[in-house]
N, C-alpha and C. Protein backbone atom coordinates (compact mmCIF):
# COMPACT_ATOMS: atom_id res chain seq x y z
N UNK A 1 31.12 32.31 21.22
CA UNK A 1 31.39 33.46 22.06
C UNK A 1 32.90 33.61 22.21
N UNK A 2 33.34 34.81 22.03
CA UNK A 2 34.77 35.11 22.14
C UNK A 2 35.11 35.49 23.58
N UNK A 3 36.38 35.54 23.85
CA UNK A 3 36.83 35.96 25.18
C UNK A 3 36.44 37.41 25.42
N UNK A 4 36.47 38.24 24.37
CA UNK A 4 36.04 39.63 24.52
C UNK A 4 34.57 39.71 24.93
N UNK A 5 33.77 38.83 24.34
CA UNK A 5 32.35 38.81 24.69
C UNK A 5 32.12 38.39 26.13
N UNK A 6 32.89 37.42 26.60
CA UNK A 6 32.77 36.98 27.99
C UNK A 6 33.21 38.08 28.95
N UNK A 7 34.28 38.76 28.60
CA UNK A 7 34.76 39.86 29.45
C UNK A 7 33.72 40.98 29.49
N UNK A 8 33.18 41.31 28.32
CA UNK A 8 32.16 42.36 28.26
C UNK A 8 30.94 41.98 29.08
N UNK A 9 30.50 40.74 28.99
CA UNK A 9 29.33 40.29 29.76
C UNK A 9 29.62 40.33 31.26
N UNK A 10 30.83 39.93 31.66
CA UNK A 10 31.18 39.96 33.08
C UNK A 10 31.23 41.39 33.60
N UNK A 11 31.86 42.29 32.81
CA UNK A 11 31.90 43.69 33.22
C UNK A 11 30.51 44.30 33.28
N UNK A 12 29.69 43.96 32.30
CA UNK A 12 28.32 44.45 32.29
C UNK A 12 27.55 43.94 33.51
N UNK A 13 27.81 42.69 33.87
CA UNK A 13 27.15 42.14 35.05
C UNK A 13 27.55 42.85 36.33
N UNK A 14 28.83 43.09 36.50
CA UNK A 14 29.32 43.75 37.71
C UNK A 14 28.91 45.22 37.74
N UNK A 15 29.17 45.93 36.66
CA UNK A 15 28.80 47.35 36.61
C UNK A 15 27.29 47.53 36.68
N UNK A 16 26.57 46.61 36.05
CA UNK A 16 25.10 46.67 36.12
C UNK A 16 24.58 46.48 37.53
N UNK A 17 25.22 45.61 38.29
CA UNK A 17 24.83 45.45 39.70
C UNK A 17 25.03 46.74 40.47
N UNK A 18 26.14 47.43 40.19
CA UNK A 18 26.38 48.73 40.81
C UNK A 18 25.33 49.75 40.39
N UNK A 19 24.92 49.69 39.13
CA UNK A 19 23.88 50.60 38.64
C UNK A 19 22.55 50.34 39.35
N UNK A 20 22.26 49.09 39.66
CA UNK A 20 21.03 48.78 40.40
C UNK A 20 21.08 49.37 41.80
N UNK A 21 22.24 49.35 42.42
CA UNK A 21 22.38 49.98 43.74
C UNK A 21 22.12 51.48 43.62
N UNK A 22 22.62 52.10 42.57
CA UNK A 22 22.38 53.53 42.35
C UNK A 22 20.89 53.80 42.16
N UNK A 23 20.20 52.91 41.45
CA UNK A 23 18.75 53.07 41.27
C UNK A 23 18.04 53.01 42.62
N UNK A 24 18.47 52.11 43.47
CA UNK A 24 17.89 51.99 44.81
C UNK A 24 18.06 53.27 45.61
N UNK A 25 19.12 54.00 45.31
CA UNK A 25 19.40 55.25 46.02
C UNK A 25 18.81 56.47 45.30
N UNK A 26 17.86 56.23 44.43
CA UNK A 26 17.14 57.24 43.64
C UNK A 26 18.03 57.98 42.64
N UNK A 27 19.15 57.40 42.28
CA UNK A 27 20.01 57.98 41.26
C UNK A 27 19.69 57.31 39.92
N UNK A 28 20.15 57.85 38.81
CA UNK A 28 19.77 57.31 37.49
C UNK A 28 20.53 56.04 37.10
N UNK A 29 20.43 55.03 37.92
CA UNK A 29 21.15 53.78 37.68
C UNK A 29 20.73 53.06 36.42
N UNK A 30 19.42 53.06 36.11
CA UNK A 30 18.96 52.38 34.90
C UNK A 30 19.55 53.04 33.65
N UNK A 31 19.59 54.35 33.65
CA UNK A 31 20.15 55.08 32.51
C UNK A 31 21.65 54.85 32.41
N UNK A 32 22.33 54.77 33.54
CA UNK A 32 23.77 54.48 33.51
C UNK A 32 24.03 53.07 32.99
N UNK A 33 23.15 52.14 33.34
CA UNK A 33 23.27 50.78 32.83
C UNK A 33 23.11 50.77 31.31
N UNK A 34 22.17 51.54 30.81
CA UNK A 34 22.00 51.65 29.36
C UNK A 34 23.26 52.29 28.73
N UNK A 35 23.83 53.26 29.38
CA UNK A 35 25.07 53.88 28.89
C UNK A 35 26.21 52.87 28.86
N UNK A 36 26.32 52.06 29.89
CA UNK A 36 27.36 51.02 29.93
C UNK A 36 27.16 50.06 28.75
N UNK A 37 25.90 49.70 28.48
CA UNK A 37 25.61 48.80 27.35
C UNK A 37 25.97 49.47 26.02
N UNK A 38 25.69 50.77 25.91
CA UNK A 38 26.04 51.48 24.68
C UNK A 38 27.55 51.53 24.47
N UNK A 39 28.28 51.74 25.55
CA UNK A 39 29.75 51.75 25.45
C UNK A 39 30.26 50.35 25.07
N UNK A 40 29.66 49.32 25.65
CA UNK A 40 30.04 47.95 25.31
C UNK A 40 29.73 47.67 23.84
N UNK A 41 28.62 48.19 23.35
CA UNK A 41 28.26 48.02 21.95
C UNK A 41 29.30 48.71 21.06
N UNK A 42 29.63 49.93 21.41
CA UNK A 42 30.63 50.66 20.64
C UNK A 42 31.97 49.91 20.66
N UNK A 43 32.36 49.45 21.84
CA UNK A 43 33.64 48.75 21.98
C UNK A 43 33.67 47.50 21.10
N UNK A 44 32.57 46.78 21.06
CA UNK A 44 32.54 45.53 20.29
C UNK A 44 32.53 45.76 18.78
N UNK A 45 32.17 46.96 18.34
CA UNK A 45 32.14 47.25 16.91
C UNK A 45 33.29 48.13 16.45
N UNK A 46 34.22 48.45 17.32
CA UNK A 46 35.26 49.43 17.01
C UNK A 46 36.16 48.99 15.86
N UNK A 47 36.38 47.70 15.66
CA UNK A 47 37.23 47.21 14.58
C UNK A 47 36.41 46.57 13.47
N UNK A 48 35.15 46.97 13.38
CA UNK A 48 34.28 46.43 12.34
C UNK A 48 33.66 45.09 12.71
N UNK A 49 33.79 44.70 13.97
CA UNK A 49 33.22 43.43 14.41
C UNK A 49 31.72 43.51 14.61
N UNK A 50 31.14 42.37 14.86
CA UNK A 50 29.70 42.32 15.13
C UNK A 50 29.44 42.95 16.50
N UNK A 51 28.34 43.62 16.63
CA UNK A 51 27.99 44.25 17.89
C UNK A 51 27.65 43.23 18.97
N UNK A 52 27.87 43.61 20.18
CA UNK A 52 27.55 42.74 21.32
C UNK A 52 26.04 42.55 21.43
N UNK A 53 25.27 43.59 21.09
CA UNK A 53 23.81 43.55 21.19
C UNK A 53 23.20 43.82 19.83
N UNK A 54 21.98 43.36 19.66
CA UNK A 54 21.21 43.77 18.48
C UNK A 54 20.64 45.16 18.77
N UNK A 55 20.28 45.86 17.73
CA UNK A 55 19.68 47.18 17.93
C UNK A 55 18.30 47.03 18.56
N UNK A 56 17.65 45.90 18.37
CA UNK A 56 16.37 45.64 19.04
C UNK A 56 16.57 45.55 20.55
N UNK A 57 17.64 44.92 20.96
CA UNK A 57 17.93 44.80 22.39
C UNK A 57 18.19 46.17 23.01
N UNK A 58 19.00 46.97 22.34
CA UNK A 58 19.29 48.31 22.87
C UNK A 58 18.04 49.18 22.85
N UNK A 59 17.23 49.05 21.81
CA UNK A 59 15.97 49.80 21.76
C UNK A 59 15.01 49.39 22.86
N UNK A 60 14.94 48.07 23.10
CA UNK A 60 14.09 47.57 24.19
C UNK A 60 14.59 48.05 25.54
N UNK A 61 15.91 48.11 25.70
CA UNK A 61 16.49 48.60 26.96
C UNK A 61 16.14 50.07 27.16
N UNK A 62 16.19 50.85 26.09
CA UNK A 62 15.81 52.27 26.16
C UNK A 62 14.35 52.41 26.59
N UNK A 63 13.48 51.62 26.00
CA UNK A 63 12.06 51.66 26.36
C UNK A 63 11.87 51.27 27.82
N UNK A 64 12.59 50.26 28.30
CA UNK A 64 12.50 49.87 29.70
C UNK A 64 12.91 51.01 30.63
N UNK A 65 13.93 51.75 30.25
CA UNK A 65 14.35 52.90 31.07
C UNK A 65 13.24 53.93 31.16
N UNK A 66 12.60 54.21 30.06
CA UNK A 66 11.50 55.18 30.05
C UNK A 66 10.32 54.66 30.88
N UNK A 67 9.98 53.39 30.72
CA UNK A 67 8.88 52.80 31.48
C UNK A 67 9.17 52.89 32.98
N UNK A 68 10.40 52.62 33.38
CA UNK A 68 10.76 52.72 34.80
C UNK A 68 10.55 54.12 35.34
N UNK A 69 10.94 55.13 34.59
CA UNK A 69 10.77 56.52 35.02
C UNK A 69 9.29 56.88 35.13
N UNK A 70 8.52 56.50 34.13
CA UNK A 70 7.09 56.82 34.12
C UNK A 70 6.39 56.15 35.30
N UNK A 71 6.67 54.88 35.52
CA UNK A 71 6.03 54.16 36.63
C UNK A 71 6.42 54.75 37.98
N UNK A 72 7.69 55.09 38.14
CA UNK A 72 8.13 55.67 39.42
C UNK A 72 7.41 56.98 39.70
N UNK A 73 7.33 57.84 38.71
CA UNK A 73 6.68 59.13 38.88
C UNK A 73 5.19 58.96 39.12
N UNK A 74 4.56 58.09 38.35
CA UNK A 74 3.12 57.88 38.49
C UNK A 74 2.78 57.30 39.87
N UNK A 75 3.61 56.43 40.38
CA UNK A 75 3.31 55.83 41.68
C UNK A 75 3.47 56.83 42.82
N UNK A 76 4.36 57.77 42.68
CA UNK A 76 4.49 58.82 43.69
C UNK A 76 3.21 59.63 43.76
N UNK A 77 2.69 60.02 42.60
CA UNK A 77 1.44 60.77 42.55
C UNK A 77 0.27 59.91 42.99
N UNK A 78 0.26 58.65 42.61
CA UNK A 78 -0.83 57.76 43.00
C UNK A 78 -0.85 57.53 44.51
N UNK A 79 0.32 57.45 45.13
CA UNK A 79 0.37 57.29 46.58
C UNK A 79 -0.21 58.50 47.28
N UNK A 80 0.11 59.68 46.78
CA UNK A 80 -0.46 60.90 47.36
C UNK A 80 -1.97 60.92 47.18
N UNK A 81 -2.43 60.54 45.99
CA UNK A 81 -3.87 60.52 45.73
C UNK A 81 -4.57 59.49 46.61
N UNK A 82 -3.95 58.34 46.79
CA UNK A 82 -4.54 57.31 47.65
C UNK A 82 -4.66 57.79 49.08
N UNK A 83 -3.79 58.68 49.48
CA UNK A 83 -3.85 59.25 50.82
C UNK A 83 -4.83 60.40 50.92
N UNK A 84 -5.47 60.74 49.81
CA UNK A 84 -6.47 61.80 49.83
C UNK A 84 -6.00 63.12 49.22
N UNK A 85 -4.83 63.13 48.59
CA UNK A 85 -4.34 64.36 47.98
C UNK A 85 -5.10 64.63 46.68
N UNK A 86 -5.20 65.88 46.36
CA UNK A 86 -5.80 66.29 45.09
C UNK A 86 -4.69 66.66 44.13
N UNK A 87 -5.00 67.32 43.06
CA UNK A 87 -4.04 67.62 42.00
C UNK A 87 -2.78 68.31 42.47
N UNK A 88 -2.92 69.38 43.22
CA UNK A 88 -1.73 70.12 43.67
C UNK A 88 -0.89 69.29 44.63
N UNK A 89 -1.55 68.48 45.43
CA UNK A 89 -0.82 67.60 46.35
C UNK A 89 -0.03 66.54 45.60
N UNK A 90 -0.64 65.98 44.54
CA UNK A 90 0.06 64.96 43.75
C UNK A 90 1.25 65.57 43.02
N UNK A 91 1.05 66.75 42.42
CA UNK A 91 2.16 67.42 41.75
C UNK A 91 3.22 67.87 42.76
N UNK A 92 2.78 68.28 43.93
CA UNK A 92 3.72 68.65 44.98
C UNK A 92 4.58 67.46 45.40
N UNK A 93 3.97 66.26 45.43
CA UNK A 93 4.72 65.05 45.79
C UNK A 93 5.82 64.78 44.76
N UNK A 94 5.50 64.95 43.49
CA UNK A 94 6.48 64.71 42.43
C UNK A 94 7.62 65.72 42.53
N UNK A 95 7.24 67.00 42.58
CA UNK A 95 8.27 68.06 42.64
C UNK A 95 9.08 67.96 43.93
N UNK A 96 8.39 67.71 45.04
CA UNK A 96 9.07 67.61 46.33
C UNK A 96 10.04 66.45 46.37
N UNK A 97 9.69 65.37 45.70
CA UNK A 97 10.57 64.21 45.67
C UNK A 97 11.87 64.54 44.93
N UNK A 98 11.76 65.24 43.82
CA UNK A 98 12.96 65.61 43.06
C UNK A 98 13.84 66.58 43.85
N UNK A 99 13.21 67.60 44.42
CA UNK A 99 13.96 68.58 45.20
C UNK A 99 14.54 67.92 46.45
N UNK A 100 13.74 67.09 47.10
CA UNK A 100 14.20 66.40 48.31
C UNK A 100 15.39 65.50 48.06
N UNK A 101 15.41 64.83 46.90
CA UNK A 101 16.56 63.98 46.57
C UNK A 101 17.83 64.81 46.45
N UNK A 102 17.72 65.95 45.82
CA UNK A 102 18.90 66.83 45.68
C UNK A 102 19.34 67.39 47.03
N UNK A 103 18.38 67.87 47.80
CA UNK A 103 18.71 68.44 49.11
C UNK A 103 19.25 67.35 50.04
N UNK A 104 18.63 66.19 50.00
CA UNK A 104 19.09 65.08 50.83
C UNK A 104 20.51 64.65 50.51
N UNK A 105 20.86 64.71 49.23
CA UNK A 105 22.20 64.35 48.82
C UNK A 105 23.23 65.29 49.45
N UNK A 106 22.86 66.57 49.55
CA UNK A 106 23.80 67.56 50.09
C UNK A 106 23.74 67.59 51.62
N UNK A 107 22.55 67.78 52.17
CA UNK A 107 22.42 67.97 53.62
C UNK A 107 22.60 66.69 54.43
N UNK A 108 22.29 65.56 53.81
CA UNK A 108 22.42 64.29 54.53
C UNK A 108 23.61 63.48 54.02
N UNK A 109 24.61 64.18 53.54
CA UNK A 109 25.80 63.51 53.01
C UNK A 109 26.53 62.71 54.09
N UNK A 110 26.30 63.05 55.34
CA UNK A 110 26.95 62.30 56.43
C UNK A 110 26.34 60.91 56.61
N UNK A 111 25.19 60.66 55.98
CA UNK A 111 24.61 59.31 55.97
C UNK A 111 24.98 58.71 54.61
N UNK A 112 26.02 57.91 54.54
CA UNK A 112 26.52 57.44 53.26
C UNK A 112 25.44 56.81 52.38
N UNK A 113 25.28 57.37 51.22
CA UNK A 113 24.40 56.91 50.15
C UNK A 113 22.90 57.00 50.45
N UNK A 114 22.49 56.90 51.68
CA UNK A 114 21.06 56.90 51.99
C UNK A 114 20.46 58.29 52.07
N UNK A 115 21.27 59.33 52.10
CA UNK A 115 20.76 60.69 52.19
C UNK A 115 19.85 61.05 51.03
N UNK A 116 20.19 60.59 49.84
CA UNK A 116 19.37 60.86 48.66
C UNK A 116 18.00 60.21 48.80
N UNK A 117 17.98 58.96 49.23
CA UNK A 117 16.71 58.24 49.39
C UNK A 117 15.85 58.89 50.47
N UNK A 118 16.45 59.19 51.61
CA UNK A 118 15.70 59.83 52.68
C UNK A 118 15.18 61.20 52.26
N UNK A 119 16.00 61.94 51.53
CA UNK A 119 15.57 63.24 51.03
C UNK A 119 14.41 63.13 50.06
N UNK A 120 14.45 62.13 49.18
CA UNK A 120 13.36 61.94 48.22
C UNK A 120 12.05 61.58 48.91
N UNK A 121 12.12 60.72 49.91
CA UNK A 121 10.91 60.32 50.64
C UNK A 121 10.35 61.50 51.43
N UNK A 122 11.22 62.21 52.14
CA UNK A 122 10.76 63.38 52.91
C UNK A 122 10.25 64.47 51.97
N UNK A 123 10.93 64.65 50.84
CA UNK A 123 10.51 65.66 49.88
C UNK A 123 9.13 65.37 49.29
N UNK A 124 8.86 64.10 49.02
CA UNK A 124 7.54 63.73 48.51
C UNK A 124 6.46 64.06 49.53
N UNK A 125 6.72 63.74 50.78
CA UNK A 125 5.75 64.02 51.84
C UNK A 125 5.56 65.52 52.02
N UNK A 126 6.64 66.26 52.08
CA UNK A 126 6.54 67.71 52.26
C UNK A 126 5.87 68.36 51.05
N UNK A 127 6.22 67.91 49.85
CA UNK A 127 5.61 68.46 48.64
C UNK A 127 4.11 68.24 48.61
N UNK A 128 3.67 67.05 48.98
CA UNK A 128 2.23 66.77 49.01
C UNK A 128 1.55 67.61 50.09
N UNK A 129 2.18 67.74 51.23
CA UNK A 129 1.62 68.53 52.33
C UNK A 129 1.45 69.98 51.90
N UNK A 130 2.50 70.55 51.32
CA UNK A 130 2.45 71.96 50.89
C UNK A 130 1.44 72.13 49.76
N UNK A 131 1.42 71.21 48.82
CA UNK A 131 0.46 71.28 47.73
C UNK A 131 -0.98 71.28 48.22
N UNK A 132 -1.27 70.45 49.19
CA UNK A 132 -2.62 70.40 49.77
C UNK A 132 -2.90 71.63 50.62
N UNK A 133 -1.88 72.14 51.26
CA UNK A 133 -2.04 73.33 52.10
C UNK A 133 -2.47 74.54 51.27
N UNK A 134 -2.09 74.58 50.00
CA UNK A 134 -2.45 75.73 49.15
C UNK A 134 -3.94 75.82 48.89
N UNK A 135 -4.67 74.73 49.07
CA UNK A 135 -6.13 74.80 48.90
C UNK A 135 -6.77 75.60 50.03
N UNK A 136 -6.21 75.47 51.23
CA UNK A 136 -6.68 76.22 52.39
C UNK A 136 -8.03 75.79 52.94
N UNK A 137 -8.51 74.63 52.56
CA UNK A 137 -9.83 74.19 53.02
C UNK A 137 -9.80 73.07 54.06
N UNK A 138 -8.60 72.63 54.44
CA UNK A 138 -8.47 71.58 55.45
C UNK A 138 -7.42 71.99 56.45
N UNK A 139 -7.59 71.56 57.69
CA UNK A 139 -6.56 71.87 58.68
C UNK A 139 -5.28 71.07 58.38
N UNK A 140 -4.18 71.57 58.87
CA UNK A 140 -2.89 70.94 58.61
C UNK A 140 -2.85 69.49 59.11
N UNK A 141 -3.57 69.20 60.18
CA UNK A 141 -3.56 67.82 60.70
C UNK A 141 -4.20 66.84 59.72
N UNK A 142 -5.10 67.32 58.89
CA UNK A 142 -5.75 66.45 57.91
C UNK A 142 -4.86 66.18 56.70
N UNK A 143 -3.76 66.87 56.61
CA UNK A 143 -2.87 66.73 55.46
C UNK A 143 -1.74 65.73 55.70
N UNK A 144 -1.72 65.16 56.88
CA UNK A 144 -0.68 64.18 57.20
C UNK A 144 -0.89 62.90 56.38
N UNK A 145 -2.14 62.50 56.22
CA UNK A 145 -2.41 61.27 55.47
C UNK A 145 -1.99 61.38 54.00
N UNK A 146 -2.32 62.46 53.28
CA UNK A 146 -1.81 62.59 51.91
C UNK A 146 -0.28 62.64 51.86
N UNK A 147 0.35 63.26 52.84
CA UNK A 147 1.81 63.33 52.88
C UNK A 147 2.41 61.94 53.08
N UNK A 148 1.83 61.18 53.98
CA UNK A 148 2.32 59.81 54.20
C UNK A 148 2.09 58.95 52.97
N UNK A 149 0.95 59.15 52.31
CA UNK A 149 0.67 58.42 51.07
C UNK A 149 1.68 58.74 49.99
N UNK A 150 2.09 60.00 49.92
CA UNK A 150 3.09 60.41 48.93
C UNK A 150 4.43 59.71 49.18
N UNK A 151 4.84 59.66 50.43
CA UNK A 151 6.11 59.00 50.76
C UNK A 151 6.02 57.50 50.47
N UNK A 152 4.88 56.89 50.81
CA UNK A 152 4.71 55.46 50.54
C UNK A 152 4.68 55.19 49.03
N UNK A 153 4.00 56.07 48.29
CA UNK A 153 3.96 55.92 46.84
C UNK A 153 5.34 56.08 46.22
N UNK A 154 6.12 56.99 46.75
CA UNK A 154 7.49 57.20 46.25
C UNK A 154 8.33 55.96 46.49
N UNK A 155 8.16 55.36 47.67
CA UNK A 155 8.92 54.14 47.98
C UNK A 155 8.46 52.99 47.08
N UNK A 156 7.16 52.87 46.86
CA UNK A 156 6.65 51.83 45.97
C UNK A 156 7.14 52.05 44.55
N UNK A 157 7.15 53.31 44.11
CA UNK A 157 7.65 53.63 42.78
C UNK A 157 9.11 53.27 42.63
N UNK A 158 9.87 53.50 43.66
CA UNK A 158 11.28 53.15 43.64
C UNK A 158 11.45 51.63 43.54
N UNK A 159 10.62 50.89 44.25
CA UNK A 159 10.69 49.43 44.20
C UNK A 159 10.36 48.92 42.79
N UNK A 160 9.35 49.53 42.17
CA UNK A 160 8.99 49.13 40.80
C UNK A 160 10.12 49.49 39.83
N UNK A 161 10.69 50.67 39.99
CA UNK A 161 11.79 51.08 39.12
C UNK A 161 13.00 50.15 39.30
N UNK A 162 13.24 49.72 40.53
CA UNK A 162 14.32 48.77 40.77
C UNK A 162 14.03 47.44 40.08
N UNK A 163 12.77 47.02 40.12
CA UNK A 163 12.37 45.79 39.41
C UNK A 163 12.59 45.91 37.91
N UNK A 164 12.24 47.06 37.35
CA UNK A 164 12.48 47.31 35.93
C UNK A 164 13.98 47.29 35.66
N UNK A 165 14.77 47.87 36.57
CA UNK A 165 16.22 47.85 36.42
C UNK A 165 16.78 46.43 36.45
N UNK A 166 16.23 45.58 37.31
CA UNK A 166 16.68 44.19 37.37
C UNK A 166 16.34 43.47 36.06
N UNK A 167 15.17 43.77 35.51
CA UNK A 167 14.80 43.20 34.22
C UNK A 167 15.74 43.69 33.12
N UNK A 168 16.06 44.96 33.15
CA UNK A 168 16.99 45.56 32.19
C UNK A 168 18.36 44.90 32.30
N UNK A 169 18.85 44.75 33.51
CA UNK A 169 20.15 44.13 33.75
C UNK A 169 20.16 42.70 33.23
N UNK A 170 19.09 41.94 33.51
CA UNK A 170 18.99 40.56 33.05
C UNK A 170 18.98 40.49 31.54
N UNK A 171 18.21 41.39 30.90
CA UNK A 171 18.13 41.44 29.45
C UNK A 171 19.51 41.70 28.84
N UNK A 172 20.22 42.68 29.37
CA UNK A 172 21.50 43.06 28.77
C UNK A 172 22.59 42.01 29.01
N UNK A 173 22.66 41.48 30.22
CA UNK A 173 23.67 40.45 30.49
C UNK A 173 23.35 39.19 29.69
N UNK A 174 22.07 38.82 29.65
CA UNK A 174 21.68 37.65 28.86
C UNK A 174 21.99 37.81 27.37
N UNK A 175 21.70 39.00 26.84
CA UNK A 175 21.98 39.27 25.43
C UNK A 175 23.48 39.28 25.16
N UNK A 176 24.27 39.72 26.12
CA UNK A 176 25.72 39.73 25.95
C UNK A 176 26.29 38.30 25.97
N UNK A 177 25.68 37.45 26.77
CA UNK A 177 26.17 36.06 26.87
C UNK A 177 25.70 35.18 25.72
N UNK A 178 24.50 35.45 25.21
CA UNK A 178 23.93 34.64 24.14
C UNK A 178 23.56 35.52 22.96
N UNK A 179 24.55 35.88 22.16
CA UNK A 179 24.28 36.80 21.05
C UNK A 179 23.40 36.20 19.96
């Protein structure tokens, strides 16, 4: 291992930890971590040297990023369904979570970093509530449970995505240290 490799691994470790924090805040931290790894790969090959990672490692990291996104989205819908939501409620939870994250980032900017997370959770609940309300066959009080399920599912999905991010971080730092 060269000094450049050690420096790259240390930077990847530190920046990757920051990316995990971004993932926790519902931002694309896993994808940014993959971008950091791609830049490190490019940097290590700029003078014709051997790459820091194998292409299998980078491909596996890409697949992990996709798996994290799919699991996060599926768990948001599953949480709404577990709370009694039907199709429109589950889709409303997904859409509401995305819109809520954006709105929370802007409107709750006075709460440092947590506005996005709070917006995503509230958006999932509101989206599921509105989605179920469009059926018109249940009173609004009966829609609280699907809304709460959507928010809980969104939080669980975020936890799973963070776990996938931690696995991704471990894979990339480990691969950088032991080529």
